[in-house]
C-alpha atoms as a PDB file:
ATOM      1  CA  MET A   1      28.708 178.973  38.358  1.00  0.00           C
ATOM      2  CA  GLY A   2      31.355 177.827  35.923  1.00  0.00           C
ATOM      3  CA  GLU A   3      31.737 174.906  33.609  1.00  0.00           C
ATOM      4  CA  VAL A   4      34.000 172.110  34.737  1.00  0.00           C
ATOM      5  CA  GLU A   5      37.149 171.401  32.766  1.00  0.00           C
ATOM      6  CA  ARG A   6      37.662 167.949  31.177  1.00  0.00           C
ATOM      7  CA  VAL A   7      36.651 165.075  33.438  1.00  0.00           C
ATOM      8  CA  ALA A   8      37.557 161.395  33.132  1.00  0.00           C
ATOM      9  CA  VAL A   9      35.938 158.336  34.846  1.00  0.00           C
ATOM     10  CA  ILE A  10      38.446 155.569  35.573  1.00  0.00           C
ATOM     11  CA  ALA A  11      38.331 152.008  37.137  1.00  0.00           C
ATOM     12  CA  THR A  12      40.397 148.915  37.486  1.00  0.00           C
ATOM     13  CA  VAL A  13      38.542 145.666  36.797  1.00  0.00           C
ATOM     14  CA  ARG A  14      39.254 141.944  36.861  1.00  0.00           C
ATOM     15  CA  ASN A  15      36.905 139.144  36.026  1.00  0.00           C
ATOM     16  CA  GLU A  16      33.763 141.330  35.953  1.00  0.00           C
ATOM     17  CA  ALA A  17      32.126 139.747  32.912  1.00  0.00           C
ATOM     18  CA  ALA A  18      28.863 139.428  34.786  1.00  0.00           C
ATOM     19  CA  THR A  19      28.721 143.138  35.703  1.00  0.00           C
ATOM     20  CA  ILE A  20      30.913 145.151  33.274  1.00  0.00           C
ATOM     21  CA  ASP A  21      27.932 145.802  30.943  1.00  0.00           C
ATOM     22  CA  ASP A  22      25.856 147.224  33.773  1.00  0.00           C
ATOM     23  CA  LEU A  23      28.740 149.496  34.818  1.00  0.00           C
ATOM     24  CA  LEU A  24      29.384 150.897  31.341  1.00  0.00           C
ATOM     25  CA  ARG A  25      25.709 151.186  30.565  1.00  0.00           C
ATOM     26  CA  SER A  26      25.132 153.178  33.792  1.00  0.00           C
ATOM     27  CA  MET A  27      28.145 155.459  32.997  1.00  0.00           C
ATOM     28  CA  LEU A  28      26.796 156.197  29.509  1.00  0.00           C
ATOM     29  CA  ALA A  29      23.205 156.736  30.694  1.00  0.00           C
ATOM     30  CA  GLY A  30      24.188 159.454  33.120  1.00  0.00           C
ATOM     31  CA  THR A  31      22.787 163.005  32.952  1.00  0.00           C
ATOM     32  CA  ARG A  32      26.416 164.214  32.743  1.00  0.00           C
ATOM     33  CA  LEU A  33      28.732 162.129  30.464  1.00  0.00           C
ATOM     34  CA  PRO A  34      32.476 161.999  31.146  1.00  0.00           C
ATOM     35  CA  ASP A  35      34.759 163.353  28.495  1.00  0.00           C
ATOM     36  CA  GLU A  36      36.885 160.143  28.833  1.00  0.00           C
ATOM     37  CA  ILE A  37      36.517 156.724  30.277  1.00  0.00           C
ATOM     38  CA  VAL A  38      39.672 154.793  30.975  1.00  0.00           C
ATOM     39  CA  ILE A  39      39.374 151.244  32.306  1.00  0.00           C
ATOM     40  CA  VAL A  40      42.332 149.046  33.144  1.00  0.00           C
ATOM     41  CA  ASP A  41      41.812 145.293  32.843  1.00  0.00           C
ATOM     42  CA  ALA A  42      44.028 143.573  35.426  1.00  0.00           C
ATOM     43  CA  GLY A  43      44.267 140.205  33.651  1.00  0.00           C
ATOM     44  CA  SER A  44      40.686 138.934  33.385  1.00  0.00           C
ATOM     45  CA  THR A  45      40.172 135.281  32.362  1.00  0.00           C
ATOM     46  CA  ASP A  46      36.379 135.367  32.135  1.00  0.00           C
ATOM     47  CA  GLY A  47      35.792 137.429  28.954  1.00  0.00           C
ATOM     48  CA  THR A  48      35.864 140.901  30.612  1.00  0.00           C
ATOM     49  CA  TYR A  49      38.571 142.179  28.439  1.00  0.00           C
ATOM     50  CA  ALA A  50      36.779 141.053  25.259  1.00  0.00           C
ATOM     51  CA  ALA A  51      33.612 142.738  26.490  1.00  0.00           C
ATOM     52  CA  LEU A  52      35.477 145.969  27.156  1.00  0.00           C
ATOM     53  CA  GLN A  53      36.932 145.871  23.620  1.00  0.00           C
ATOM     54  CA  ARG A  54      33.499 145.468  22.132  1.00  0.00           C
ATOM     55  CA  TRP A  55      32.324 148.549  24.094  1.00  0.00           C
ATOM     56  CA  ALA A  56      35.369 150.505  23.034  1.00  0.00           C
ATOM     57  CA  ALA A  57      34.755 149.711  19.381  1.00  0.00           C
ATOM     58  CA  ARG A  58      31.452 151.658  19.508  1.00  0.00           C
ATOM     59  CA  VAL A  59      32.159 154.198  22.268  1.00  0.00           C
ATOM     60  CA  PRO A  60      34.966 156.527  21.224  1.00  0.00           C
ATOM     61  CA  ARG A  61      35.318 158.131  24.662  1.00  0.00           C
ATOM     62  CA  LEU A  62      36.202 154.718  26.192  1.00  0.00           C
ATOM     63  CA  ARG A  63      39.822 153.612  26.324  1.00  0.00           C
ATOM     64  CA  VAL A  64      40.758 150.138  27.529  1.00  0.00           C
ATOM     65  CA  LEU A  65      44.257 149.273  28.909  1.00  0.00           C
ATOM     66  CA  ALA A  66      45.520 145.815  29.730  1.00  0.00           C
ATOM     67  CA  GLN A  67      47.902 145.294  32.588  1.00  0.00           C
ATOM     68  CA  ALA A  68      47.817 141.607  33.716  1.00  0.00           C
ATOM     69  CA  GLY A  69      48.436 141.085  37.400  1.00  0.00           C
ATOM     70  CA  CYS A  70      48.165 144.692  38.478  1.00  0.00           C
ATOM     71  CA  GLY A  71      46.335 145.653  41.627  1.00  0.00           C
ATOM     72  CA  ARG A  72      43.584 148.186  42.008  1.00  0.00           C
ATOM     73  CA  SER A  73      46.059 150.996  42.950  1.00  0.00           C
ATOM     74  CA  GLU A  74      48.377 150.306  40.087  1.00  0.00           C
ATOM     75  CA  GLY A  75      45.531 150.124  37.620  1.00  0.00           C
ATOM     76  CA  ARG A  76      43.997 153.363  38.906  1.00  0.00           C
ATOM     77  CA  ASN A  77      47.297 155.162  38.659  1.00  0.00           C
ATOM     78  CA  LEU A  78      47.851 153.869  35.117  1.00  0.00           C
ATOM     79  CA  ALA A  79      44.419 155.015  34.090  1.00  0.00           C
ATOM     80  CA  ILE A  80      44.857 158.505  35.559  1.00  0.00           C
ATOM     81  CA  ALA A  81      48.302 158.821  33.875  1.00  0.00           C
ATOM     82  CA  ALA A  82      46.699 157.828  30.541  1.00  0.00           C
ATOM     83  CA  THR A  83      44.325 160.858  30.635  1.00  0.00           C
ATOM     84  CA  ALA A  84      45.041 164.515  30.680  1.00  0.00           C
ATOM     85  CA  ALA A  85      41.773 165.382  32.339  1.00  0.00           C
ATOM     86  CA  ARG A  86      41.966 167.811  35.263  1.00  0.00           C
ATOM     87  CA  TRP A  87      39.128 166.032  37.195  1.00  0.00           C
ATOM     88  CA  ILE A  88      39.119 162.313  37.835  1.00  0.00           C
ATOM     89  CA  ALA A  89      36.109 160.334  38.989  1.00  0.00           C
ATOM     90  CA  VAL A  90      36.777 156.903  40.301  1.00  0.00           C
ATOM     91  CA  THR A  91      34.525 153.786  40.512  1.00  0.00           C
ATOM     92  CA  ASP A  92      34.884 149.991  40.673  1.00  0.00           C
ATOM     93  CA  GLY A  93      33.872 146.852  38.919  1.00  0.00           C
ATOM     94  CA  GLY A  94      30.673 145.327  40.175  1.00  0.00           C
ATOM     95  CA  VAL A  95      29.062 148.722  40.544  1.00  0.00           C
ATOM     96  CA  ARG A  96      25.981 150.385  38.900  1.00  0.00           C
ATOM     97  CA  LEU A  97      26.024 154.177  38.921  1.00  0.00           C
ATOM     98  CA  ASP A  98      23.011 156.301  39.581  1.00  0.00           C
ATOM     99  CA  PRO A  99      22.074 158.427  36.500  1.00  0.00           C
ATOM    100  CA  GLY A 100      22.972 161.624  38.413  1.00  0.00           C
ATOM    101  CA  TRP A 101      26.227 160.198  39.793  1.00  0.00           C
ATOM    102  CA  LEU A 102      28.809 162.215  37.879  1.00  0.00           C
ATOM    103  CA  ALA A 103      26.645 165.347  37.810  1.00  0.00           C
ATOM    104  CA  ALA A 104      26.376 165.171  41.656  1.00  0.00           C
ATOM    105  CA  LEU A 105      30.135 164.739  42.014  1.00  0.00           C
ATOM    106  CA  LEU A 106      30.773 167.758  39.781  1.00  0.00           C
ATOM    107  CA  ALA A 107      28.117 169.979  41.287  1.00  0.00           C
ATOM    108  CA  PRO A 108      30.299 171.288  44.253  1.00  0.00           C
ATOM    109  CA  ILE A 109      32.970 172.203  41.707  1.00  0.00           C
ATOM    110  CA  GLU A 110      30.634 173.929  39.296  1.00  0.00           C
ATOM    111  CA  GLN A 111      29.050 175.870  42.180  1.00  0.00           C
ATOM    112  CA  ALA A 112      32.418 177.005  43.606  1.00  0.00           C
ATOM    113  CA  ALA A 113      33.197 180.655  42.918  1.00  0.00           C
ATOM    114  CA  GLY A 114      36.714 180.211  41.629  1.00  0.00           C
ATOM    115  CA  ASP A 115      37.807 178.087  44.669  1.00  0.00           C
ATOM    116  CA  PRO A 116      36.670 174.522  44.012  1.00  0.00           C
ATOM    117  CA  PRO A 117      37.322 171.702  46.499  1.00  0.00           C
ATOM    118  CA  ASP A 118      40.016 169.182  45.728  1.00  0.00           C
ATOM    119  CA  VAL A 119      38.020 166.046  46.566  1.00  0.00           C
ATOM    120  CA  VAL A 120      34.302 165.320  46.290  1.00  0.00           C
ATOM    121  CA  ALA A 121      33.247 162.251  48.261  1.00  0.00           C
ATOM    122  CA  GLY A 122      30.320 160.382  46.804  1.00  0.00           C
ATOM    123  CA  PHE A 123      28.311 157.663  48.497  1.00  0.00           C
ATOM    124  CA  PHE A 124      27.322 154.079  47.930  1.00  0.00           C
ATOM    125  CA  ARG A 125      24.261 151.885  48.601  1.00  0.00           C
ATOM    126  CA  MET A 126      23.622 148.222  48.463  1.00  0.00           C
ATOM    127  CA  ALA A 127      21.596 146.495  45.805  1.00  0.00           C
ATOM    128  CA  PRO A 128      20.785 143.218  47.493  1.00  0.00           C
ATOM    129  CA  ALA A 129      19.133 140.289  45.729  1.00  0.00           C
ATOM    130  CA  THR A 130      18.510 137.979  48.740  1.00  0.00           C
ATOM    131  CA  PRO A 131      17.645 138.291  52.455  1.00  0.00           C
ATOM    132  CA  PHE A 132      21.211 137.259  53.273  1.00  0.00           C
ATOM    133  CA  GLU A 133      22.625 140.123  51.121  1.00  0.00           C
ATOM    134  CA  LEU A 134      20.291 142.594  52.716  1.00  0.00           C
ATOM    135  CA  ALA A 135      21.342 141.378  56.185  1.00  0.00           C
ATOM    136  CA  LEU A 136      25.022 141.804  55.191  1.00  0.00           C
ATOM    137  CA  GLY A 137      24.340 145.273  53.881  1.00  0.00           C
ATOM    138  CA  VAL A 138      22.684 146.565  57.082  1.00  0.00           C
ATOM    139  CA  THR A 139      25.475 144.914  59.102  1.00  0.00           C
ATOM    140  CA  THR A 140      28.376 146.487  57.264  1.00  0.00           C
ATOM    141  CA  LEU A 141      27.237 149.622  55.430  1.00  0.00           C
ATOM    142  CA  PRO A 142      26.345 153.014  56.994  1.00  0.00           C
ATOM    143  CA  LEU A 143      23.262 155.077  56.083  1.00  0.00           C
ATOM    144  CA  ALA A 144      23.698 158.521  54.774  1.00  0.00           C
ATOM    145  CA  ARG A 145      22.309 159.965  57.953  1.00  0.00           C
ATOM    146  CA  GLU A 146      25.124 158.238  59.951  1.00  0.00           C
ATOM    147  CA  ILE A 147      27.852 160.038  58.004  1.00  0.00           C
ATOM    148  CA  ALA A 148      29.759 162.879  59.604  1.00  0.00           C
ATOM    149  CA  PRO A 149      30.867 164.719  56.352  1.00  0.00           C
ATOM    150  CA  ALA A 150      33.869 166.415  57.875  1.00  0.00           C
ATOM    151  CA  ARG A 151      35.399 163.052  58.853  1.00  0.00           C
ATOM    152  CA  PHE A 152      34.107 160.880  55.989  1.00  0.00           C
ATOM    153  CA  LEU A 153      36.760 159.019  54.094  1.00  0.00           C
ATOM    154  CA  PRO A 154      35.225 158.117  50.727  1.00  0.00           C
ATOM    155  CA  SER A 155      35.367 154.699  49.083  1.00  0.00           C
ATOM    156  CA  SER A 156      36.926 154.682  45.584  1.00  0.00           C
ATOM    157  CA  ARG A 157      33.607 153.165  44.413  1.00  0.00           C
ATOM    158  CA  SER A 158      32.429 156.840  44.309  1.00  0.00           C
ATOM    159  CA  VAL A 159      34.854 159.684  44.506  1.00  0.00           C
ATOM    160  CA  LEU A 160      36.156 162.583  42.398  1.00  0.00           C
ATOM    161  CA  PHE A 161      39.414 164.535  42.837  1.00  0.00           C
ATOM    162  CA  SER A 162      41.686 166.864  40.928  1.00  0.00           C
ATOM    163  CA  ARG A 163      44.644 165.551  39.067  1.00  0.00           C
ATOM    164  CA  GLN A 164      46.785 167.921  41.103  1.00  0.00           C
ATOM    165  CA  ALA A 165      45.553 166.502  44.412  1.00  0.00           C
ATOM    166  CA  TRP A 166      46.183 162.909  43.197  1.00  0.00           C
ATOM    167  CA  ALA A 167      49.764 163.890  42.377  1.00  0.00           C
ATOM    168  CA  ALA A 168      50.326 165.752  45.643  1.00  0.00           C
ATOM    169  CA  ALA A 169      49.182 162.651  47.575  1.00  0.00           C
ATOM    170  CA  GLY A 170      51.640 160.400  45.663  1.00  0.00           C
ATOM    171  CA  GLY A 171      48.915 158.537  43.889  1.00  0.00           C
ATOM    172  CA  TYR A 172      47.259 155.407  45.039  1.00  0.00           C
ATOM    173  CA  PRO A 173      49.582 153.223  47.220  1.00  0.00           C
ATOM    174  CA  GLU A 174      50.615 150.433  44.845  1.00  0.00           C
ATOM    175  CA  TRP A 175      52.225 148.340  47.693  1.00  0.00           C
ATOM    176  CA  LEU A 176      48.757 147.827  49.335  1.00  0.00           C
ATOM    177  CA  ASP A 177      46.085 145.440  48.072  1.00  0.00           C
ATOM    178  CA  TYR A 178      43.176 146.186  50.448  1.00  0.00           C
ATOM    179  CA  GLY A 179      42.329 149.431  52.253  1.00  0.00           C
ATOM    180  CA  GLU A 180      44.239 151.317  49.535  1.00  0.00           C
ATOM    181  CA  ASP A 181      41.509 153.887  49.033  1.00  0.00           C
ATOM    182  CA  LEU A 182      41.490 154.795  52.727  1.00  0.00           C
ATOM    183  CA  VAL A 183      45.282 155.202  52.721  1.00  0.00           C
ATOM    184  CA  PHE A 184      44.936 157.410  49.618  1.00  0.00           C
ATOM    185  CA  ASP A 185      42.212 159.472  51.386  1.00  0.00           C
ATOM    186  CA  LEU A 186      44.517 159.983  54.396  1.00  0.00           C
ATOM    187  CA  ALA A 187      47.350 160.986  52.046  1.00  0.00           C
ATOM    188  CA  LEU A 188      45.046 163.480  50.375  1.00  0.00           C
ATOM    189  CA  ARG A 189      44.211 165.059  53.712  1.00  0.00           C
ATOM    190  CA  ARG A 190      47.841 165.109  54.720  1.00  0.00           C
ATOM    191  CA  ALA A 191      48.640 166.908  51.492  1.00  0.00           C
ATOM    192  CA  GLY A 192      46.074 169.576  52.391  1.00  0.00           C
ATOM    193  CA  ALA A 193      43.319 168.587  50.026  1.00  0.00           C
ATOM    194  CA  ARG A 194      39.848 170.109  50.776  1.00  0.00           C
ATOM    195  CA  PHE A 195      37.038 167.566  50.878  1.00  0.00           C
ATOM    196  CA  VAL A 196      33.257 168.065  50.414  1.00  0.00           C
ATOM    197  CA  TRP A 197      30.536 165.432  50.568  1.00  0.00           C
ATOM    198  CA  ALA A 198      28.012 164.736  47.811  1.00  0.00           C
ATOM    199  CA  PRO A 199      25.632 162.089  49.112  1.00  0.00           C
ATOM    200  CA  GLN A 200      23.545 162.135  45.947  1.00  0.00           C
ATOM    201  CA  ALA A 201      26.490 160.722  43.990  1.00  0.00           C
ATOM    202  CA  VAL A 202      25.419 157.141  44.561  1.00  0.00           C
ATOM    203  CA  ALA A 203      27.074 153.951  43.369  1.00  0.00           C
ATOM    204  CA  TYR A 204      25.067 150.784  43.841  1.00  0.00           C
ATOM    205  CA  PHE A 205      26.674 147.389  44.449  1.00  0.00           C
ATOM    206  CA  ARG A 206      25.672 143.933  45.419  1.00  0.00           C
ATOM    207  CA  PRO A 207      26.982 142.649  48.812  1.00  0.00           C
ATOM    208  CA  ARG A 208      28.755 139.317  48.983  1.00  0.00           C
ATOM    209  CA  GLN A 209      26.430 136.364  48.330  1.00  0.00           C
ATOM    210  CA  ARG A 210      27.770 133.761  50.736  1.00  0.00           C
ATOM    211  CA  LEU A 211      29.087 133.708  54.288  1.00  0.00           C
ATOM    212  CA  ALA A 212      32.450 132.360  53.209  1.00  0.00           C
ATOM    213  CA  GLU A 213      32.851 135.176  50.697  1.00  0.00           C
ATOM    214  CA  PHE A 214      32.052 137.663  53.368  1.00  0.00           C
ATOM    215  CA  PHE A 215      34.572 136.118  55.719  1.00  0.00           C
ATOM    216  CA  ARG A 216      37.379 136.279  53.037  1.00  0.00           C
ATOM    217  CA  GLN A 217      36.494 139.869  52.248  1.00  0.00           C
ATOM    218  CA  TYR A 218      36.748 141.032  55.859  1.00  0.00           C
ATOM    219  CA  PHE A 219      39.815 138.934  56.459  1.00  0.00           C
ATOM    220  CA  HIS A 220      41.480 140.799  53.510  1.00  0.00           C
ATOM    221  CA  TYR A 221      40.228 144.165  54.719  1.00  0.00           C
ATOM    222  CA  ALA A 222      41.710 143.593  58.165  1.00  0.00           C
ATOM    223  CA  ARG A 223      44.946 142.258  56.663  1.00  0.00           C
ATOM    224  CA  GLY A 224      45.106 145.482  54.704  1.00  0.00           C
ATOM    225  CA  ASP A 225      44.610 147.414  57.953  1.00  0.00           C
ATOM    226  CA  GLY A 226      47.584 145.545  59.437  1.00  0.00           C
ATOM    227  CA  LYS A 227      49.747 146.204  56.425  1.00  0.00           C
ATOM    228  CA  ALA A 228      48.966 149.976  56.503  1.00  0.00           C
ATOM    229  CA  LEU A 229      48.745 150.364  60.276  1.00  0.00           C
ATOM    230  CA  LEU A 230      45.102 151.518  60.036  1.00  0.00           C
ATOM    231  CA  TRP A 231      42.849 151.692  63.103  1.00  0.00           C
ATOM    232  CA  PRO A 232      45.110 149.962  65.682  1.00  0.00           C
ATOM    233  CA  ARG A 233      43.016 151.296  68.494  1.00  0.00           C
ATOM    234  CA  ARG A 234      39.817 149.945  66.951  1.00  0.00           C
ATOM    235  CA  HIS A 235      41.362 146.477  66.514  1.00  0.00           C
ATOM    236  CA  ALA A 236      42.704 146.562  70.075  1.00  0.00           C
ATOM    237  CA  ILE A 237      39.215 147.318  71.422  1.00  0.00           C
ATOM    238  CA  ARG A 238      37.787 144.421  69.488  1.00  0.00           C
ATOM    239  CA  TYR A 239      40.337 141.947  70.893  1.00  0.00           C
ATOM    240  CA  ALA A 240      39.697 143.347  74.442  1.00  0.00           C
ATOM    241  CA  SER A 241      36.008 143.004  73.980  1.00  0.00           C
ATOM    242  CA  TYR A 242      36.101 139.394  72.942  1.00  0.00           C
ATOM    243  CA  GLY A 243      38.554 138.698  75.680  1.00  0.00           C
ATOM    244  CA  ALA A 244      36.037 140.076  78.159  1.00  0.00           C
ATOM    245  CA  LEU A 245      33.287 138.021  76.565  1.00  0.00           C
ATOM    246  CA  LEU A 246      35.295 134.813  77.018  1.00  0.00           C
ATOM    247  CA  ALA A 247      35.873 135.713  80.636  1.00  0.00           C
ATOM    248  CA  LEU A 248      32.161 136.308  81.187  1.00  0.00           C
ATOM    249  CA  LEU A 249      31.226 133.023  79.520  1.00  0.00           C
ATOM    250  CA  ALA A 250      33.748 131.194  81.767  1.00  0.00           C
ATOM    251  CA  THR A 251      32.102 132.867  84.782  1.00  0.00           C
ATOM    252  CA  VAL A 252      28.583 131.684  83.591  1.00  0.00           C
ATOM    253  CA  ALA A 253      29.979 128.180  83.142  1.00  0.00           C
ATOM    254  CA  ARG A 254      31.682 128.149  86.499  1.00  0.00           C
ATOM    255  CA  ALA A 255      29.058 129.930  88.645  1.00  0.00           C
ATOM    256  CA  GLY A 256      25.972 128.478  87.041  1.00  0.00           C
ATOM    257  CA  ARG A 257      22.795 129.809  88.674  1.00  0.00           C
ATOM    258  CA  ARG A 258      24.601 131.536  91.464  1.00  0.00           C
ATOM    259  CA  PRO A 259      24.399 135.345  91.510  1.00  0.00           C
ATOM    260  CA  ALA A 260      27.846 135.702  89.802  1.00  0.00           C
ATOM    261  CA  GLY A 261      26.595 133.579  86.919  1.00  0.00           C
ATOM    262  CA  TRP A 262      23.330 135.530  86.507  1.00  0.00           C
ATOM    263  CA  ALA A 263      25.258 138.794  86.601  1.00  0.00           C
ATOM    264  CA  ALA A 264      27.731 137.656  83.903  1.00  0.00           C
ATOM    265  CA  ALA A 265      24.851 136.380  81.728  1.00  0.00           C
ATOM    266  CA  ALA A 266      23.044 139.720  82.107  1.00  0.00           C
ATOM    267  CA  THR A 267      26.207 141.576  81.167  1.00  0.00           C
ATOM    268  CA  ILE A 268      26.563 139.435  78.045  1.00  0.00           C
ATOM    269  CA  ALA A 269      22.924 140.091  77.089  1.00  0.00           C
ATOM    270  CA  VAL A 270      23.229 143.839  77.511  1.00  0.00           C
ATOM    271  CA  GLY A 271      26.495 143.919  75.602  1.00  0.00           C
ATOM    272  CA  ALA A 272      25.085 141.918  72.730  1.00  0.00           C
ATOM    273  CA  ALA A 273      21.995 144.163  72.548  1.00  0.00           C
ATOM    274  CA  LEU A 274      24.176 147.298  72.383  1.00  0.00           C
ATOM    275  CA  TYR A 275      26.455 145.723  69.848  1.00  0.00           C
ATOM    276  CA  LEU A 276      23.636 144.738  67.543  1.00  0.00           C
ATOM    277  CA  ARG A 277      21.504 147.847  67.905  1.00  0.00           C
ATOM    278  CA  GLN A 278      22.984 149.596  64.826  1.00  0.00           C
ATOM    279  CA  PRO A 279      22.043 147.036  62.175  1.00  0.00           C
ATOM    280  CA  TYR A 280      18.621 146.471  63.755  1.00  0.00           C
ATOM    281  CA  ARG A 281      18.049 150.228  63.636  1.00  0.00           C
ATOM    282  CA  ARG A 282      19.060 150.397  60.033  1.00  0.00           C
ATOM    283  CA  LEU A 283      16.665 147.631  59.143  1.00  0.00           C
ATOM    284  CA  ALA A 284      13.868 149.631  60.700  1.00  0.00           C
ATOM    285  CA  CYS A 285      14.806 152.772  58.817  1.00  0.00           C
ATOM    286  CA  PRO A 286      12.801 153.789  55.699  1.00  0.00           C
ATOM    287  CA  GLU A 287      15.589 155.907  54.275  1.00  0.00           C
ATOM    288  CA  ASP A 288      16.786 153.338  51.739  1.00  0.00           C
ATOM    289  CA  PRO A 289      14.204 151.537  49.471  1.00  0.00           C
ATOM    290  CA  ALA A 290      16.386 148.427  49.550  1.00  0.00           C
ATOM    291  CA  LEU A 291      15.454 148.086  53.291  1.00  0.00           C
ATOM    292  CA  GLN A 292      11.711 147.698  52.618  1.00  0.00           C
ATOM    293  CA  VAL A 293      10.996 144.030  53.349  1.00  0.00           C
ATOM    294  CA  SER A 294       7.297 143.085  53.098  1.00  0.00           C
ATOM    295  CA  ASP A 295       7.511 139.259  53.584  1.00  0.00           C
ATOM    296  CA  TRP A 296       7.653 138.593  57.369  1.00  0.00           C
ATOM    297  CA  ARG A 297       9.545 135.303  56.741  1.00  0.00           C
ATOM    298  CA  ASP A 298      12.343 137.197  54.901  1.00  0.00           C
ATOM    299  CA  ARG A 299      12.428 139.699  57.772  1.00  0.00           C
ATOM    300  CA  LEU A 300      12.883 136.921  60.284  1.00  0.00           C
ATOM    301  CA  ARG A 301      15.678 135.438  58.189  1.00  0.00           C
ATOM    302  CA  ILE A 302      17.408 138.753  58.074  1.00  0.00           C
ATOM    303  CA  LEU A 303      17.052 139.324  61.809  1.00  0.00           C
ATOM    304  CA  ALA A 304      18.530 135.843  62.460  1.00  0.00           C
ATOM    305  CA  TRP A 305      21.448 136.527  60.193  1.00  0.00           C
ATOM    306  CA  LEU A 306      22.586 139.768  61.884  1.00  0.00           C
ATOM    307  CA  PRO A 307      24.350 138.304  64.917  1.00  0.00           C
ATOM    308  CA  VAL A 308      25.924 135.569  62.781  1.00  0.00           C
ATOM    309  CA  LEU A 309      27.317 138.259  60.381  1.00  0.00           C
ATOM    310  CA  ARG A 310      28.599 140.361  63.260  1.00  0.00           C
ATOM    311  CA  LEU A 311      30.460 137.442  64.735  1.00  0.00           C
ATOM    312  CA  THR A 312      31.780 136.279  61.444  1.00  0.00           C
ATOM    313  CA  GLY A 313      33.038 139.713  60.478  1.00  0.00           C
ATOM    314  CA  ASP A 314      34.813 140.202  63.808  1.00  0.00           C
ATOM    315  CA  LEU A 315      36.447 136.748  63.667  1.00  0.00           C
ATOM    316  CA  ALA A 316      37.675 137.530  60.168  1.00  0.00           C
ATOM    317  CA  LYS A 317      39.111 140.853  61.310  1.00  0.00           C
ATOM    318  CA  MET A 318      40.782 139.366  64.326  1.00  0.00           C
ATOM    319  CA  LEU A 319      42.487 136.746  62.212  1.00  0.00           C
ATOM    320  CA  GLY A 320      43.390 139.091  59.331  1.00  0.00           C
ATOM    321  CA  TYR A 321      44.850 142.002  61.224  1.00  0.00           C
ATOM    322  CA  PRO A 322      47.844 140.122  62.782  1.00  0.00           C
ATOM    323  CA  VAL A 323      48.560 138.574  59.368  1.00  0.00           C
ATOM    324  CA  GLY A 324      48.856 142.031  57.962  1.00  0.00           C
ATOM    325  CA  ARG A 325      51.104 143.217  60.784  1.00  0.00           C
ATOM    326  CA  LEU A 326      53.360 140.222  60.255  1.00  0.00           C
ATOM    327  CA  TRP A 327      53.542 140.950  56.578  1.00  0.00           C
ATOM    328  CA  ARG A 328      54.487 144.501  57.354  1.00  0.00           C
ATOM    329  CA  ARG A 329      57.171 143.443  59.847  1.00  0.00           C
ATOM    330  CA  GLN A 330      58.727 141.082  57.302  1.00  0.00           C
ATOM    331  CA  ARG A 331      58.991 143.969  54.756  1.00  0.00           C
ATOM    332  CA  ARG A 332      60.285 146.598  57.112  1.00  0.00           C
ATOM    333  CA  GLY A 333      62.177 149.188  55.077  1.00  0.00           C
ATOM    334  CA  ALA A 334      60.578 148.203  51.783  1.00  0.00           C
ATOM    335  CA  ILE A 335      57.286 150.007  52.441  1.00  0.00           C
ATOM    336  CA  PRO A 336      56.536 153.526  53.864  1.00  0.00           C
ATOM    337  CA  ALA A 337      56.962 153.822  57.633  1.00  0.00           C
ATOM    338  CA  ASP A 338      54.002 156.283  57.505  1.00  0.00           C
ATOM    339  CA  PRO A 339      51.538 154.908  54.950  1.00  0.00           C
ATOM    340  CA  THR A 340      49.908 158.325  54.428  1.00  0.00           C
ATOM    341  CA  ALA A 341      53.202 160.034  53.528  1.00  0.00           C
ATOM    342  CA  PRO A 342      53.999 159.545  49.817  1.00  0.00           C
ATOM    343  CA  ARG A 343      57.420 158.061  49.082  1.00  0.00           C
ATOM    344  CA  TYR A 344      57.541 159.996  45.884  1.00  0.00           C
ATOM    345  CA  ARG A 345      55.638 162.734  44.055  1.00  0.00           C
ATOM    346  CA  LEU A 346      53.978 161.867  40.751  1.00  0.00           C
ATOM    347  CA  ALA A 347      54.580 164.203  37.851  1.00  0.00           C
ATOM    348  CA  ILE A 348      51.581 166.272  36.845  1.00  0.00           C
ATOM    349  CA  GLY A 349      50.959 165.653  33.168  1.00  0.00           C
END
């Protein structure tokens, strides 16, 4: 086993005054400290930048850059360009890192016998504070046991890659505001990067706190899918499924208690049970301590929220996706025809 060359942790943040201290505290409490930390503030108006400057004054390894108005991708590319580290670990604002996070990301590289992987995919878990947030977590977040490591595309809440792989992929796509980390992952794969999974490299984050916030988040995610042409088949299946649901509801209303109405109602019930089985199974799983709910009233609240959250997320996606496709159509020629193919190659510093 060899010692890893210089490693930097980078992030783009904006208006994270309530969480930036937890993020930096968790970085600096890790069992393996980064050689450098580079954080780009994207124009915060809530005191985040001042807090970062206070941290930088007493933590020499922390460098803070200000780039008002930049997106996550531009900020990450700026941060990576500002360090000469060979290995780059990426996380986000609003995150708290497990003490062993960076060590777990680096372990596959340290254990490689002269042929390290290019990308180490970390994992993430929720840190809910309310029954609603826990319900949202089990609705939207996979458990580690559900991951197929060979196909897993890591979130940039928790990932490490080589500087060379970043350059070969063309960097993060600066034209894209949501879903940018998935497009970057796909570009890394297209460039021939070799991925490994490190489920112990956990970043904790709090889910959205209100239904309207969740709706906006998933609208933006789906709009990003439309902009980047991500998952068209998945979106088509969703539209078809809800079209079939409307047809079945019309049959129930028209046929009433006749056999056709009962058959349509039974089909809806079976379909709903199958559609909701995943979050209900997650809630029953003891794998994550956050899922342990002792109060039966909280458990009932969570169970009641699950179908509401499923419907809300689907509606947000069905509205957001065509908006993204329209955005893409209006900018034809100005953005890559294939989002995973870099339009340029970044210089390796």
